[in-house]
């Protein structure tokens, strides 16, 4: 089964994208900062028969390792 990851999902556009792809047979991975809201959206998708999972993360924050690697690549 194909999977789609939607980063920065919210109750409007991201959720609509999840419904469209989910209804086409995709498993949906929802990524956003707020776990409570993600869990709610996963529940709504499950009610529609769409397989989905929540992954709380802040993709706007870089880790120290990311920054270290970037600095060494710029030399």
C-alpha atoms as a PDB file:
ATOM      1  CA  UNK A   1       0.000   0.000   0.000  1.00  0.00           C
ATOM      2  CA  UNK A   2       1.464   3.409  -0.924  1.00  0.00           C
ATOM      3  CA  UNK A   3       2.052   6.001   1.790  1.00  0.00           C
ATOM      4  CA  UNK A   4       1.958   9.780   1.724  1.00  0.00           C
ATOM      5  CA  UNK A   5       3.481  12.033   4.389  1.00  0.00           C
ATOM      6  CA  UNK A   6       1.814  15.391   4.864  1.00  0.00           C
ATOM      7  CA  UNK A   7       4.022  17.868   6.714  1.00  0.00           C
ATOM      8  CA  UNK A   8       2.436  20.738   8.623  1.00  0.00           C
ATOM      9  CA  UNK A   9      -1.032  19.223   8.437  1.00  0.00           C
ATOM     10  CA  UNK A  10      -3.921  21.244   9.807  1.00  0.00           C
ATOM     11  CA  UNK A  11      -7.705  20.989   9.814  1.00  0.00           C
ATOM     12  CA  UNK A  12      -8.151  22.604   6.389  1.00  0.00           C
ATOM     13  CA  UNK A  13      -5.803  22.081   3.460  1.00  0.00           C
ATOM     14  CA  UNK A  14      -3.622  19.341   4.950  1.00  0.00           C
ATOM     15  CA  UNK A  15      -6.635  17.383   6.174  1.00  0.00           C
ATOM     16  CA  UNK A  16      -8.317  17.718   2.767  1.00  0.00           C
ATOM     17  CA  UNK A  17      -5.190  16.376   1.079  1.00  0.00           C
ATOM     18  CA  UNK A  18      -5.156  13.473   3.545  1.00  0.00           C
ATOM     19  CA  UNK A  19      -8.780  12.635   2.732  1.00  0.00           C
ATOM     20  CA  UNK A  20      -8.181  12.721  -1.030  1.00  0.00           C
ATOM     21  CA  UNK A  21      -5.105  10.495  -0.943  1.00  0.00           C
ATOM     22  CA  UNK A  22      -6.551   8.255   1.757  1.00  0.00           C
ATOM     23  CA  UNK A  23      -9.670   7.653  -0.309  1.00  0.00           C
ATOM     24  CA  UNK A  24      -7.360   6.597  -3.170  1.00  0.00           C
ATOM     25  CA  UNK A  25      -5.848   3.824  -1.027  1.00  0.00           C
ATOM     26  CA  UNK A  26      -2.853   5.645   0.442  1.00  0.00           C
ATOM     27  CA  UNK A  27      -1.836   5.223   4.062  1.00  0.00           C
ATOM     28  CA  UNK A  28      -1.475   8.726   5.466  1.00  0.00           C
ATOM     29  CA  UNK A  29       1.297   9.958   7.770  1.00  0.00           C
ATOM     30  CA  UNK A  30       0.363  13.266   9.390  1.00  0.00           C
ATOM     31  CA  UNK A  31       3.244  15.414  10.658  1.00  0.00           C
ATOM     32  CA  UNK A  32       2.723  18.533  12.747  1.00  0.00           C
ATOM     33  CA  UNK A  33       3.733  20.025  16.094  1.00  0.00           C
ATOM     34  CA  UNK A  34       0.529  19.467  18.076  1.00  0.00           C
ATOM     35  CA  UNK A  35       0.005  15.804  19.050  1.00  0.00           C
ATOM     36  CA  UNK A  36      -3.512  16.377  20.405  1.00  0.00           C
ATOM     37  CA  UNK A  37      -4.702  17.909  17.139  1.00  0.00           C
ATOM     38  CA  UNK A  38      -2.940  15.215  15.122  1.00  0.00           C
ATOM     39  CA  UNK A  39      -4.626  12.476  17.128  1.00  0.00           C
ATOM     40  CA  UNK A  40      -8.001  14.128  16.496  1.00  0.00           C
ATOM     41  CA  UNK A  41      -7.350  14.267  12.728  1.00  0.00           C
ATOM     42  CA  UNK A  42      -6.218  10.625  12.705  1.00  0.00           C
ATOM     43  CA  UNK A  43      -9.476   9.714  14.446  1.00  0.00           C
ATOM     44  CA  UNK A  44     -11.509  11.600  11.850  1.00  0.00           C
ATOM     45  CA  UNK A  45      -9.674   9.811   9.053  1.00  0.00           C
ATOM     46  CA  UNK A  46     -10.229   6.446  10.759  1.00  0.00           C
ATOM     47  CA  UNK A  47     -13.949   7.223  10.876  1.00  0.00           C
ATOM     48  CA  UNK A  48     -13.757   7.569   7.082  1.00  0.00           C
ATOM     49  CA  UNK A  49     -11.979   4.209   6.767  1.00  0.00           C
ATOM     50  CA  UNK A  50      -8.589   5.792   6.029  1.00  0.00           C
ATOM     51  CA  UNK A  51      -5.432   4.334   7.583  1.00  0.00           C
ATOM     52  CA  UNK A  52      -3.438   7.152   9.167  1.00  0.00           C
ATOM     53  CA  UNK A  53      -0.807   7.741  11.829  1.00  0.00           C
ATOM     54  CA  UNK A  54       0.300  10.845  13.735  1.00  0.00           C
ATOM     55  CA  UNK A  55       3.929  11.946  13.966  1.00  0.00           C
ATOM     56  CA  UNK A  56       4.369  15.011  16.164  1.00  0.00           C
ATOM     57  CA  UNK A  57       7.448  16.951  15.088  1.00  0.00           C
ATOM     58  CA  UNK A  58       8.631  20.479  14.501  1.00  0.00           C
ATOM     59  CA  UNK A  59      10.324  20.324  11.119  1.00  0.00           C
ATOM     60  CA  UNK A  60      11.259  23.998  11.294  1.00  0.00           C
ATOM     61  CA  UNK A  61      13.801  23.307  14.048  1.00  0.00           C
ATOM     62  CA  UNK A  62      17.231  22.065  13.123  1.00  0.00           C
ATOM     63  CA  UNK A  63      19.183  19.804  15.386  1.00  0.00           C
ATOM     64  CA  UNK A  64      22.729  20.524  16.448  1.00  0.00           C
ATOM     65  CA  UNK A  65      23.861  17.612  14.299  1.00  0.00           C
ATOM     66  CA  UNK A  66      22.159  19.171  11.248  1.00  0.00           C
ATOM     67  CA  UNK A  67      23.871  22.485  11.884  1.00  0.00           C
ATOM     68  CA  UNK A  68      27.259  20.844  12.459  1.00  0.00           C
ATOM     69  CA  UNK A  69      26.984  18.944   9.193  1.00  0.00           C
ATOM     70  CA  UNK A  70      26.004  22.059   7.308  1.00  0.00           C
ATOM     71  CA  UNK A  71      28.969  24.032   8.630  1.00  0.00           C
ATOM     72  CA  UNK A  72      31.429  21.298   7.644  1.00  0.00           C
ATOM     73  CA  UNK A  73      29.948  21.151   4.130  1.00  0.00           C
ATOM     74  CA  UNK A  74      30.431  24.892   3.649  1.00  0.00           C
ATOM     75  CA  UNK A  75      34.222  24.730   4.184  1.00  0.00           C
END
